[in-house]
Structures are given as structure tokens and as C-alpha cells.
Amino acid sequence: MPEMPEVQGLVEFLDERLRERVITRATVANIAALKTYDPPIDTLVGCTVTDAMRRGKFVVLATSGPHLVFHLAKAGWLRFTESLPQTVIRPGKTPIALRVAFDDGSGFDLTEAGTKKSLAYYVVTDPHDVPGIARLGPDPLGADFDRDAFAAVLAGRRTQIKGVLRDQSLIAGIGNAYSDEILHAARMSPYALASSLDDEEVTRLFAALRETLTDAVAAASGKPPAELKDAKRRGMQVHGRRGEACAVCGDEVRSVFFADNSLEYCPTCQTGGKILADRRLSRLLK
């Protein structure tokens, strides 16, 4: 799933490449992924792109008319090309959910792999008309999100810290991968309760959050969409590295599996050498 750093890299690319370009075509290939009907998607045609912005994991393509907003979800991506194919898209026969063309012949497809479809796009007059954006918490790299603001998010929350980091209504943009990376950098168990952290642990976790995300955004900056996924994988210390040696201590990276995803961690770095039980309802280590 693309998270805040990759979405930021994608937004920077789109802003540089599409600003002042005119939309000439918007072809819906998966009607279920289009979550709005007013304004109609056809109102994008003839509009000029004025900006590309990120809101959490959402991309906002602002135009002289309505805005195109999309969320790539777990298996979605944007495929950009300098010369967009003229072939007719056959709904239901392609991974493409939406195709957008521009006046210089370029364009992009929003695509989604797999059978479980959750990619979503919206045409709105205000990005806050998108429910997911309206519910977002603060941006973790925002100037006003300091250590005290982070501590306020954690205070009194008897929730595992892994879940707090991933909750978009509390902190916008962090998902499964970067929450694993942040917790590894902070040397903290994903099962620790947010309310149980002392001042030193809060400070350490906040520093890990800022450093991990800042480094990831820098790694994504300037890369075209086709290279962003590989850049993300190369930067991971534990996420997606089950069975490999931890780059910090050499211990084996372990996984805990859930219904539709998993978390990765290093026992030596994060849990005092203890192996976390691989069952959702098992007693949780702190």
C-alpha cells in the first residue's frame, strides 16, 4: 500500500508534470470506484490543472474547475505515460479504474490489482467533501505537529501503539509498513499500549517517527511513479523482510499474521528477545 512518503513523491511528480495542462478526457473504467456523482466526472474535461497536493494518503489534483481526488488503497497505483494509448478500455476486463488524458498527449491510469477492490476516486468542489479527508488527523511532518502534540494523541489511549500510528483520524498518512519501521527505529514493541509510554519513550518514538518519515520522503522525492515502489522496499529495515537478518543487531526479523496483513519486527531490538504470539487473540506482550 502506498503511504505518505510515496504519495508525497507521487504528488511532487504530478505537480511538476501536469501543472497548467488541460484535461481532455476522463474515462471511467470501474464505476464502483467512482464515489461521487455531483459534479459529474465529465466536468473535469477542459479544466486546467492548477496544483497537486497530498492529504494523508489521498492525492488531490486541483483544477480550474472541480478537483479530482483519489486514494490508491492497498493494491492501487498510478501509471503515467507520456503518450497515452488510444485503445478503448473495456470495463471489467482490465485493472484500470480511471484513465485521464491531457492536451499534450500524456496521461495516467489509476489501476488496481487483485480481486478485492478498494481504490476510490472522487470529483468534488472541495477536498473536505471527501469523508476520508474530513476525518484526517494531523500530518506527522506538519510544522505544528511537535512532540507535545504527539504526546496529546497518545495520552490516555489504551490501544496498541501500532494501531495508534495507523489510525488516520489520529495521525494522517502512516500505514502498516511505516508503522513497522517507526517502531523498529524506536526499539519499541508494536503491542505496547500508547497510554503506558513514559516521557522518554514518547520522545524516542516521536524522534523515530519524524526521522523515518523525513528520510522516506527524501528517498521518494524526484522519482517517477514507476520507481516509487522499489524505492520504498529498498528503504525498509523490517517491513517485508521476514526471515532476514535485522540490519541493526543481526537477529531474525519475525512476523505476526492477521486476517489480511502482517506486521514485522525484530525481537532483540523491540521486545527484549521475546517472540510475539502469532494469533490475534493471544495474550499480548507489552
C-alpha atoms as a PDB file:
ATOM      1  CA  MET A   1       0.000   0.000   0.000  1.00  0.00           C
ATOM      2  CA  PRO A   2       1.417   3.426  -0.882  1.00  0.00           C
ATOM      3  CA  GLU A   3       1.775   5.522   2.255  1.00  0.00           C
ATOM      4  CA  MET A   4       2.567   9.139   2.956  1.00  0.00           C
ATOM      5  CA  PRO A   5       6.173   9.211   1.588  1.00  0.00           C
ATOM      6  CA  GLU A   6       5.247   7.522  -1.711  1.00  0.00           C
ATOM      7  CA  VAL A   7       2.106   9.623  -2.079  1.00  0.00           C
ATOM      8  CA  GLN A   8       4.205  12.739  -1.451  1.00  0.00           C
ATOM      9  CA  GLY A   9       6.647  11.641  -4.157  1.00  0.00           C
ATOM     10  CA  LEU A  10       3.735  10.981  -6.493  1.00  0.00           C
ATOM     11  CA  VAL A  11       2.213  14.407  -5.791  1.00  0.00           C
ATOM     12  CA  GLU A  12       5.521  16.165  -6.485  1.00  0.00           C
ATOM     13  CA  PHE A  13       5.822  14.330  -9.809  1.00  0.00           C
ATOM     14  CA  LEU A  14       2.250  15.153 -10.842  1.00  0.00           C
ATOM     15  CA  ASP A  15       2.593  18.793  -9.854  1.00  0.00           C
ATOM     16  CA  GLU A  16       5.760  19.205 -11.903  1.00  0.00           C
ATOM     17  CA  ARG A  17       4.466  17.263 -14.897  1.00  0.00           C
ATOM     18  CA  LEU A  18       0.805  18.312 -15.075  1.00  0.00           C
ATOM     19  CA  ARG A  19       0.553  21.868 -13.751  1.00  0.00           C
ATOM     20  CA  GLU A  20      -1.046  24.064 -16.465  1.00  0.00           C
ATOM     21  CA  ARG A  21      -2.017  21.016 -18.517  1.00  0.00           C
ATOM     22  CA  VAL A  22      -5.622  20.785 -19.717  1.00  0.00           C
ATOM     23  CA  ILE A  23      -7.670  17.624 -19.140  1.00  0.00           C
ATOM     24  CA  THR A  24      -9.041  16.368 -22.458  1.00  0.00           C
ATOM     25  CA  ARG A  25     -10.586  13.087 -21.371  1.00  0.00           C
ATOM     26  CA  ALA A  26     -11.637  11.268 -18.206  1.00  0.00           C
ATOM     27  CA  THR A  27     -12.709   7.685 -18.867  1.00  0.00           C
ATOM     28  CA  VAL A  28     -14.359   5.678 -16.098  1.00  0.00           C
ATOM     29  CA  ALA A  29     -13.422   2.001 -16.308  1.00  0.00           C
ATOM     30  CA  ASN A  30     -14.634   0.896 -12.870  1.00  0.00           C
ATOM     31  CA  ILE A  31     -17.821   2.712 -11.937  1.00  0.00           C
ATOM     32  CA  ALA A  32     -17.746   1.223  -8.416  1.00  0.00           C
ATOM     33  CA  ALA A  33     -14.513   3.103  -7.698  1.00  0.00           C
ATOM     34  CA  LEU A  34     -16.145   6.468  -8.514  1.00  0.00           C
ATOM     35  CA  LYS A  35     -17.648   7.584  -5.214  1.00  0.00           C
ATOM     36  CA  THR A  36     -19.320  10.840  -6.278  1.00  0.00           C
ATOM     37  CA  TYR A  37     -21.811  11.915  -8.942  1.00  0.00           C
ATOM     38  CA  ASP A  38     -22.072  15.683  -8.415  1.00  0.00           C
ATOM     39  CA  PRO A  39     -20.155  17.335 -10.025  1.00  0.00           C
ATOM     40  CA  PRO A  40     -20.176  14.774 -12.864  1.00  0.00           C
ATOM     41  CA  ILE A  41     -16.763  13.472 -13.853  1.00  0.00           C
ATOM     42  CA  ASP A  42     -17.223  14.978 -17.335  1.00  0.00           C
ATOM     43  CA  THR A  43     -16.883  18.444 -15.788  1.00  0.00           C
ATOM     44  CA  LEU A  44     -13.147  17.776 -15.479  1.00  0.00           C
ATOM     45  CA  VAL A  45     -12.783  17.902 -19.271  1.00  0.00           C
ATOM     46  CA  GLY A  46     -11.480  21.301 -20.383  1.00  0.00           C
ATOM     47  CA  CYS A  47     -10.200  22.197 -16.919  1.00  0.00           C
ATOM     48  CA  THR A  48      -6.591  23.224 -16.302  1.00  0.00           C
ATOM     49  CA  VAL A  49      -4.544  21.558 -13.570  1.00  0.00           C
ATOM     50  CA  THR A  50      -3.523  24.184 -11.018  1.00  0.00           C
ATOM     51  CA  ASP A  51      -1.920  22.091  -8.278  1.00  0.00           C
ATOM     52  CA  ALA A  52      -1.275  18.594  -6.963  1.00  0.00           C
ATOM     53  CA  MET A  53      -1.493  18.133  -3.206  1.00  0.00           C
ATOM     54  CA  ARG A  54      -1.408  15.398  -0.588  1.00  0.00           C
ATOM     55  CA  ARG A  55      -3.876  14.966   2.250  1.00  0.00           C
ATOM     56  CA  GLY A  56      -2.795  11.967   4.306  1.00  0.00           C
ATOM     57  CA  LYS A  57      -2.719   9.155   1.730  1.00  0.00           C
ATOM     58  CA  PHE A  58      -5.090  10.994  -0.619  1.00  0.00           C
ATOM     59  CA  VAL A  59      -3.927  12.714  -3.809  1.00  0.00           C
ATOM     60  CA  VAL A  60      -5.747  15.939  -4.701  1.00  0.00           C
ATOM     61  CA  LEU A  61      -5.415  17.073  -8.311  1.00  0.00           C
ATOM     62  CA  ALA A  62      -6.756  20.625  -8.206  1.00  0.00           C
ATOM     63  CA  THR A  63      -8.064  22.189 -11.408  1.00  0.00           C
ATOM     64  CA  SER A  64      -9.669  25.418 -12.596  1.00  0.00           C
ATOM     65  CA  GLY A  65     -12.946  23.585 -12.060  1.00  0.00           C
ATOM     66  CA  PRO A  66     -13.619  20.695  -9.666  1.00  0.00           C
ATOM     67  CA  HIS A  67     -10.893  18.630  -8.007  1.00  0.00           C
ATOM     68  CA  LEU A  68     -10.043  15.010  -8.765  1.00  0.00           C
ATOM     69  CA  VAL A  69      -9.237  13.213  -5.521  1.00  0.00           C
ATOM     70  CA  PHE A  70      -8.111   9.612  -5.272  1.00  0.00           C
ATOM     71  CA  HIS A  71      -6.976   7.070  -2.707  1.00  0.00           C
ATOM     72  CA  LEU A  72      -4.934   4.148  -4.029  1.00  0.00           C
ATOM     73  CA  ALA A  73      -5.851   1.788  -1.156  1.00  0.00           C
ATOM     74  CA  LYS A  74      -3.976  -1.488  -0.690  1.00  0.00           C
ATOM     75  CA  ALA A  75      -3.317  -2.592  -4.269  1.00  0.00           C
ATOM     76  CA  GLY A  76      -3.802   0.538  -6.337  1.00  0.00           C
ATOM     77  CA  TRP A  77      -1.272   2.624  -8.229  1.00  0.00           C
ATOM     78  CA  LEU A  78      -0.948   5.397 -10.798  1.00  0.00           C
ATOM     79  CA  ARG A  79       0.602   4.535 -14.154  1.00  0.00           C
ATOM     80  CA  PHE A  80       1.777   7.623 -16.035  1.00  0.00           C
ATOM     81  CA  THR A  81       2.776   7.729 -19.687  1.00  0.00           C
ATOM     82  CA  GLU A  82       3.991  10.489 -21.976  1.00  0.00           C
ATOM     83  CA  SER A  83       1.863   9.074 -24.799  1.00  0.00           C
ATOM     84  CA  LEU A  84      -1.445   7.683 -23.629  1.00  0.00           C
ATOM     85  CA  PRO A  85      -2.820   4.706 -25.621  1.00  0.00           C
ATOM     86  CA  GLN A  86      -5.919   5.393 -27.707  1.00  0.00           C
ATOM     87  CA  THR A  87      -7.272   1.871 -27.247  1.00  0.00           C
ATOM     88  CA  VAL A  88     -10.789   1.516 -25.894  1.00  0.00           C
ATOM     89  CA  ILE A  89     -10.921   0.439 -22.257  1.00  0.00           C
ATOM     90  CA  ARG A  90     -13.236  -2.493 -21.638  1.00  0.00           C
ATOM     91  CA  PRO A  91     -14.764  -2.240 -18.156  1.00  0.00           C
ATOM     92  CA  GLY A  92     -14.359  -5.434 -16.166  1.00  0.00           C
ATOM     93  CA  LYS A  93     -11.615  -6.692 -18.474  1.00  0.00           C
ATOM     94  CA  THR A  94      -8.777  -4.516 -17.199  1.00  0.00           C
ATOM     95  CA  PRO A  95      -7.150  -3.468 -13.912  1.00  0.00           C
ATOM     96  CA  ILE A  96      -7.700   0.167 -14.951  1.00  0.00           C
ATOM     97  CA  ALA A  97     -10.227   2.056 -12.837  1.00  0.00           C
ATOM     98  CA  LEU A  98      -9.837   5.514 -14.408  1.00  0.00           C
ATOM     99  CA  ARG A  99      -7.949   6.997 -17.365  1.00  0.00           C
ATOM    100  CA  VAL A 100      -7.190  10.731 -17.548  1.00  0.00           C
ATOM    101  CA  ALA A 101      -5.724  12.328 -20.684  1.00  0.00           C
ATOM    102  CA  PHE A 102      -4.110  15.746 -21.146  1.00  0.00           C
ATOM    103  CA  ASP A 103      -3.640  18.199 -24.006  1.00  0.00           C
ATOM    104  CA  ASP A 104      -0.009  17.239 -24.684  1.00  0.00           C
ATOM    105  CA  GLY A 105      -0.876  13.570 -25.261  1.00  0.00           C
ATOM    106  CA  SER A 106       0.251  12.402 -21.824  1.00  0.00           C
ATOM    107  CA  GLY A 107      -1.972  10.872 -19.201  1.00  0.00           C
ATOM    108  CA  PHE A 108      -2.353   8.375 -16.414  1.00  0.00           C
ATOM    109  CA  ASP A 109      -4.329   5.313 -15.457  1.00  0.00           C
ATOM    110  CA  LEU A 110      -5.421   4.530 -11.940  1.00  0.00           C
ATOM    111  CA  THR A 111      -5.003   0.765 -11.660  1.00  0.00           C
ATOM    112  CA  GLU A 112      -5.749  -1.841  -9.024  1.00  0.00           C
ATOM    113  CA  ALA A 113      -4.510  -5.411  -8.807  1.00  0.00           C
ATOM    114  CA  GLY A 114      -6.304  -8.351  -7.213  1.00  0.00           C
ATOM    115  CA  THR A 115      -9.962  -9.184  -6.739  1.00  0.00           C
ATOM    116  CA  LYS A 116     -10.629  -7.133  -3.601  1.00  0.00           C
ATOM    117  CA  LYS A 117     -11.257  -3.646  -4.979  1.00  0.00           C
ATOM    118  CA  SER A 118     -10.993  -0.658  -2.637  1.00  0.00           C
ATOM    119  CA  LEU A 119      -9.354   2.046  -4.784  1.00  0.00           C
ATOM    120  CA  ALA A 120     -11.563   5.143  -4.759  1.00  0.00           C
ATOM    121  CA  TYR A 121     -11.743   8.405  -6.672  1.00  0.00           C
ATOM    122  CA  TYR A 122     -13.927  11.463  -6.259  1.00  0.00           C
ATOM    123  CA  VAL A 123     -14.815  14.634  -8.171  1.00  0.00           C
ATOM    124  CA  VAL A 124     -15.504  17.404  -5.663  1.00  0.00           C
ATOM    125  CA  THR A 125     -15.548  21.184  -5.353  1.00  0.00           C
ATOM    126  CA  ASP A 126     -13.737  20.995  -2.007  1.00  0.00           C
ATOM    127  CA  PRO A 127     -11.359  18.184  -0.904  1.00  0.00           C
ATOM    128  CA  HIS A 128     -13.033  18.189   2.523  1.00  0.00           C
ATOM    129  CA  ASP A 129     -16.184  16.907   0.805  1.00  0.00           C
ATOM    130  CA  VAL A 130     -14.361  13.554   0.718  1.00  0.00           C
ATOM    131  CA  PRO A 131     -15.278  11.843   4.024  1.00  0.00           C
ATOM    132  CA  GLY A 132     -11.848  10.257   4.432  1.00  0.00           C
ATOM    133  CA  ILE A 133     -10.153  13.654   4.175  1.00  0.00           C
ATOM    134  CA  ALA A 134     -12.620  15.317   6.534  1.00  0.00           C
ATOM    135  CA  ARG A 135     -11.747  12.725   9.199  1.00  0.00           C
ATOM    136  CA  LEU A 136      -7.967  13.002   8.910  1.00  0.00           C
ATOM    137  CA  GLY A 137      -5.784  13.746  11.912  1.00  0.00           C
ATOM    138  CA  PRO A 138      -2.710  15.998  11.752  1.00  0.00           C
ATOM    139  CA  ASP A 139       0.092  15.467   9.257  1.00  0.00           C
ATOM    140  CA  PRO A 140       3.046  13.849  11.089  1.00  0.00           C
ATOM    141  CA  LEU A 141       5.538  16.092   9.272  1.00  0.00           C
ATOM    142  CA  GLY A 142       3.466  19.237   9.698  1.00  0.00           C
ATOM    143  CA  ALA A 143       5.132  22.223  11.380  1.00  0.00           C
ATOM    144  CA  ASP A 144       2.507  22.235  14.136  1.00  0.00           C
ATOM    145  CA  PHE A 145       2.866  18.528  14.910  1.00  0.00           C
ATOM    146  CA  ASP A 146       5.559  18.638  17.582  1.00  0.00           C
ATOM    147  CA  ARG A 147       6.469  16.299  20.423  1.00  0.00           C
ATOM    148  CA  ASP A 148       3.759  17.730  22.696  1.00  0.00           C
ATOM    149  CA  ALA A 149       1.079  17.340  20.025  1.00  0.00           C
ATOM    150  CA  PHE A 150       2.170  13.732  19.570  1.00  0.00           C
ATOM    151  CA  ALA A 151       2.043  13.146  23.328  1.00  0.00           C
ATOM    152  CA  ALA A 152      -1.505  14.502  23.378  1.00  0.00           C
ATOM    153  CA  VAL A 153      -2.521  11.957  20.736  1.00  0.00           C
ATOM    154  CA  LEU A 154      -1.139   9.118  22.872  1.00  0.00           C
ATOM    155  CA  ALA A 155      -2.385  10.321  26.252  1.00  0.00           C
ATOM    156  CA  GLY A 156      -4.933   8.027  27.893  1.00  0.00           C
ATOM    157  CA  ARG A 157      -5.217   5.723  24.875  1.00  0.00           C
ATOM    158  CA  ARG A 158      -5.273   2.101  25.988  1.00  0.00           C
ATOM    159  CA  THR A 159      -4.619   0.983  22.427  1.00  0.00           C
ATOM    160  CA  GLN A 160      -1.587  -0.786  20.990  1.00  0.00           C
ATOM    161  CA  ILE A 161       0.849   1.782  19.651  1.00  0.00           C
ATOM    162  CA  LYS A 162       0.926   0.042  16.253  1.00  0.00           C
ATOM    163  CA  GLY A 163      -2.796   0.734  15.888  1.00  0.00           C
ATOM    164  CA  VAL A 164      -2.474   4.343  17.022  1.00  0.00           C
ATOM    165  CA  LEU A 165       0.190   5.070  14.397  1.00  0.00           C
ATOM    166  CA  ARG A 166      -2.041   3.582  11.676  1.00  0.00           C
ATOM    167  CA  ASP A 167      -5.264   5.333  12.729  1.00  0.00           C
ATOM    168  CA  GLN A 168      -5.811   8.020  10.078  1.00  0.00           C
ATOM    169  CA  SER A 169      -8.121  10.007  12.347  1.00  0.00           C
ATOM    170  CA  LEU A 170      -5.262  10.381  14.858  1.00  0.00           C
ATOM    171  CA  ILE A 171      -2.221  10.783  12.556  1.00  0.00           C
ATOM    172  CA  ALA A 172      -2.631  11.090   8.777  1.00  0.00           C
ATOM    173  CA  GLY A 173      -0.588   9.131   6.281  1.00  0.00           C
ATOM    174  CA  ILE A 174       1.134   6.308   8.193  1.00  0.00           C
ATOM    175  CA  GLY A 175       0.180   2.755   7.288  1.00  0.00           C
ATOM    176  CA  ASN A 176       1.319  -0.783   8.003  1.00  0.00           C
ATOM    177  CA  ALA A 177       4.810  -0.510   6.515  1.00  0.00           C
ATOM    178  CA  TYR A 178       5.998   2.731   8.070  1.00  0.00           C
ATOM    179  CA  SER A 179       4.462   1.964  11.449  1.00  0.00           C
ATOM    180  CA  ASP A 180       6.667  -1.162  11.488  1.00  0.00           C
ATOM    181  CA  GLU A 181       9.686   0.943  10.526  1.00  0.00           C
ATOM    182  CA  ILE A 182       8.999   3.657  13.106  1.00  0.00           C
ATOM    183  CA  LEU A 183       8.584   1.144  15.925  1.00  0.00           C
ATOM    184  CA  HIS A 184      11.779  -0.645  14.941  1.00  0.00           C
ATOM    185  CA  ALA A 185      13.690   2.654  14.894  1.00  0.00           C
ATOM    186  CA  ALA A 186      12.233   3.489  18.328  1.00  0.00           C
ATOM    187  CA  ARG A 187      13.113  -0.001  19.685  1.00  0.00           C
ATOM    188  CA  MET A 188       9.528  -0.473  20.803  1.00  0.00           C
ATOM    189  CA  SER A 189       7.091  -3.389  20.752  1.00  0.00           C
ATOM    190  CA  PRO A 190       4.106  -2.950  18.413  1.00  0.00           C
ATOM    191  CA  TYR A 191       1.960  -4.292  21.249  1.00  0.00           C
ATOM    192  CA  ALA A 192       2.924  -1.596  23.781  1.00  0.00           C
ATOM    193  CA  LEU A 193      -0.082   0.411  24.937  1.00  0.00           C
ATOM    194  CA  ALA A 194       0.034   4.077  23.980  1.00  0.00           C
ATOM    195  CA  SER A 195      -1.028   5.175  27.458  1.00  0.00           C
ATOM    196  CA  SER A 196       1.780   3.144  29.087  1.00  0.00           C
ATOM    197  CA  LEU A 197       4.647   5.077  27.457  1.00  0.00           C
ATOM    198  CA  ASP A 198       6.697   7.301  29.750  1.00  0.00           C
ATOM    199  CA  ASP A 199       8.120  10.681  28.740  1.00  0.00           C
ATOM    200  CA  GLU A 200      11.403   9.239  27.469  1.00  0.00           C
ATOM    201  CA  GLU A 201       9.599   6.645  25.356  1.00  0.00           C
ATOM    202  CA  VAL A 202       7.256   9.262  23.886  1.00  0.00           C
ATOM    203  CA  THR A 203      10.245  11.434  22.978  1.00  0.00           C
ATOM    204  CA  ARG A 204      12.075   8.478  21.445  1.00  0.00           C
ATOM    205  CA  LEU A 205       9.038   7.370  19.448  1.00  0.00           C
ATOM    206  CA  PHE A 206       8.391  10.892  18.160  1.00  0.00           C
ATOM    207  CA  ALA A 207      12.011  11.258  17.054  1.00  0.00           C
ATOM    208  CA  ALA A 208      11.804   7.892  15.258  1.00  0.00           C
ATOM    209  CA  LEU A 209       8.573   8.926  13.554  1.00  0.00           C
ATOM    210  CA  ARG A 210       9.973  12.209  12.247  1.00  0.00           C
ATOM    211  CA  GLU A 211      13.313  10.746  11.152  1.00  0.00           C
ATOM    212  CA  THR A 212      11.811   7.678   9.457  1.00  0.00           C
ATOM    213  CA  LEU A 213       9.221   9.656   7.504  1.00  0.00           C
ATOM    214  CA  THR A 214      11.592  12.509   6.625  1.00  0.00           C
ATOM    215  CA  ASP A 215      14.143  10.062   5.233  1.00  0.00           C
ATOM    216  CA  ALA A 216      11.457   8.182   3.293  1.00  0.00           C
ATOM    217  CA  VAL A 217      10.046  11.380   1.762  1.00  0.00           C
ATOM    218  CA  ALA A 218      13.563  12.404   0.714  1.00  0.00           C
ATOM    219  CA  ALA A 219      14.109   8.979  -0.890  1.00  0.00           C
ATOM    220  CA  ALA A 220      10.833   9.289  -2.837  1.00  0.00           C
ATOM    221  CA  SER A 221      11.405  12.862  -3.973  1.00  0.00           C
ATOM    222  CA  GLY A 222      12.183  13.263  -7.663  1.00  0.00           C
ATOM    223  CA  LYS A 223      11.347   9.694  -8.624  1.00  0.00           C
ATOM    224  CA  PRO A 224       8.750   8.894 -11.312  1.00  0.00           C
ATOM    225  CA  PRO A 225       5.767   6.769 -10.239  1.00  0.00           C
ATOM    226  CA  ALA A 226       7.247   3.597 -11.764  1.00  0.00           C
ATOM    227  CA  GLU A 227      10.227   3.750  -9.371  1.00  0.00           C
ATOM    228  CA  LEU A 228       8.495   4.682  -6.117  1.00  0.00           C
ATOM    229  CA  LYS A 229       7.517   1.172  -5.027  1.00  0.00           C
ATOM    230  CA  ASP A 230      11.043  -0.187  -5.416  1.00  0.00           C
ATOM    231  CA  ALA A 231      12.465   2.817  -3.556  1.00  0.00           C
ATOM    232  CA  LYS A 232      10.090   2.085  -0.685  1.00  0.00           C
ATOM    233  CA  ARG A 233      11.115  -1.585  -0.494  1.00  0.00           C
ATOM    234  CA  ARG A 234      14.819  -0.757  -0.541  1.00  0.00           C
ATOM    235  CA  GLY A 235      14.438   1.564   2.428  1.00  0.00           C
ATOM    236  CA  MET A 236      12.687  -0.937   4.718  1.00  0.00           C
ATOM    237  CA  GLN A 237      14.600  -2.313   7.707  1.00  0.00           C
ATOM    238  CA  VAL A 238      11.995  -4.820   8.942  1.00  0.00           C
ATOM    239  CA  HIS A 239       8.760  -4.478   6.979  1.00  0.00           C
ATOM    240  CA  GLY A 240       8.561  -7.133   4.281  1.00  0.00           C
ATOM    241  CA  ARG A 241      11.833  -8.680   5.495  1.00  0.00           C
ATOM    242  CA  ARG A 242      10.579 -11.683   7.447  1.00  0.00           C
ATOM    243  CA  GLY A 243      13.314 -14.264   7.847  1.00  0.00           C
ATOM    244  CA  GLU A 244      16.117 -11.834   7.006  1.00  0.00           C
ATOM    245  CA  ALA A 245      18.729 -10.579   9.443  1.00  0.00           C
ATOM    246  CA  CYS A 246      17.992  -7.318  11.235  1.00  0.00           C
ATOM    247  CA  ALA A 247      20.342  -4.647   9.876  1.00  0.00           C
ATOM    248  CA  VAL A 248      20.869  -3.300  13.410  1.00  0.00           C
ATOM    249  CA  CYS A 249      21.503  -6.404  15.547  1.00  0.00           C
ATOM    250  CA  GLY A 250      21.538  -9.391  13.189  1.00  0.00           C
ATOM    251  CA  ASP A 251      18.587 -11.191  14.809  1.00  0.00           C
ATOM    252  CA  GLU A 252      15.949 -12.740  12.547  1.00  0.00           C
ATOM    253  CA  VAL A 253      13.085 -10.439  11.561  1.00  0.00           C
ATOM    254  CA  ARG A 254       9.790 -12.019  12.608  1.00  0.00           C
ATOM    255  CA  SER A 255       6.159 -11.604  11.524  1.00  0.00           C
ATOM    256  CA  VAL A 256       2.770 -11.654  13.181  1.00  0.00           C
ATOM    257  CA  PHE A 257      -0.002 -12.509  10.720  1.00  0.00           C
ATOM    258  CA  PHE A 258      -3.544 -11.193  10.830  1.00  0.00           C
ATOM    259  CA  ALA A 259      -6.566 -11.689   8.581  1.00  0.00           C
ATOM    260  CA  ASP A 260      -5.407  -9.513   5.693  1.00  0.00           C
ATOM    261  CA  ASN A 261      -1.925  -8.255   6.582  1.00  0.00           C
ATOM    262  CA  SER A 262       1.040  -8.791   8.865  1.00  0.00           C
ATOM    263  CA  LEU A 263       3.481  -6.829  10.960  1.00  0.00           C
ATOM    264  CA  GLU A 264       7.237  -7.308  11.079  1.00  0.00           C
ATOM    265  CA  TYR A 265       9.574  -6.655  13.997  1.00  0.00           C
ATOM    266  CA  CYS A 266      12.949  -7.569  15.451  1.00  0.00           C
ATOM    267  CA  PRO A 267      12.742  -9.436  18.793  1.00  0.00           C
ATOM    268  CA  THR A 268      16.158  -8.251  20.007  1.00  0.00           C
ATOM    269  CA  CYS A 269      15.601  -4.607  19.113  1.00  0.00           C
ATOM    270  CA  GLN A 270      11.959  -4.333  20.128  1.00  0.00           C
ATOM    271  CA  THR A 271      10.691  -6.984  22.548  1.00  0.00           C
ATOM    272  CA  GLY A 272      13.650  -7.939  24.718  1.00  0.00           C
ATOM    273  CA  GLY A 273      14.162 -11.123  22.710  1.00  0.00           C
ATOM    274  CA  LYS A 274      10.575 -12.355  23.164  1.00  0.00           C
ATOM    275  CA  ILE A 275       8.727 -13.788  20.171  1.00  0.00           C
ATOM    276  CA  LEU A 276       5.257 -12.288  19.790  1.00  0.00           C
ATOM    277  CA  ALA A 277       2.447 -14.822  19.606  1.00  0.00           C
ATOM    278  CA  ASP A 278       1.182 -15.181  16.051  1.00  0.00           C
ATOM    279  CA  ARG A 279      -2.506 -15.232  16.938  1.00  0.00           C
ATOM    280  CA  ARG A 280      -4.786 -12.213  17.093  1.00  0.00           C
ATOM    281  CA  LEU A 281      -6.442 -13.254  20.337  1.00  0.00           C
ATOM    282  CA  SER A 282      -3.336 -14.441  22.185  1.00  0.00           C
ATOM    283  CA  ARG A 283      -2.077 -12.668  25.259  1.00  0.00           C
ATOM    284  CA  LEU A 284      -0.201  -9.621  24.026  1.00  0.00           C
ATOM    285  CA  LEU A 285       3.286  -8.725  25.111  1.00  0.00           C
ATOM    286  CA  LYS A 286       3.935  -5.168  26.252  1.00  0.00           C
END
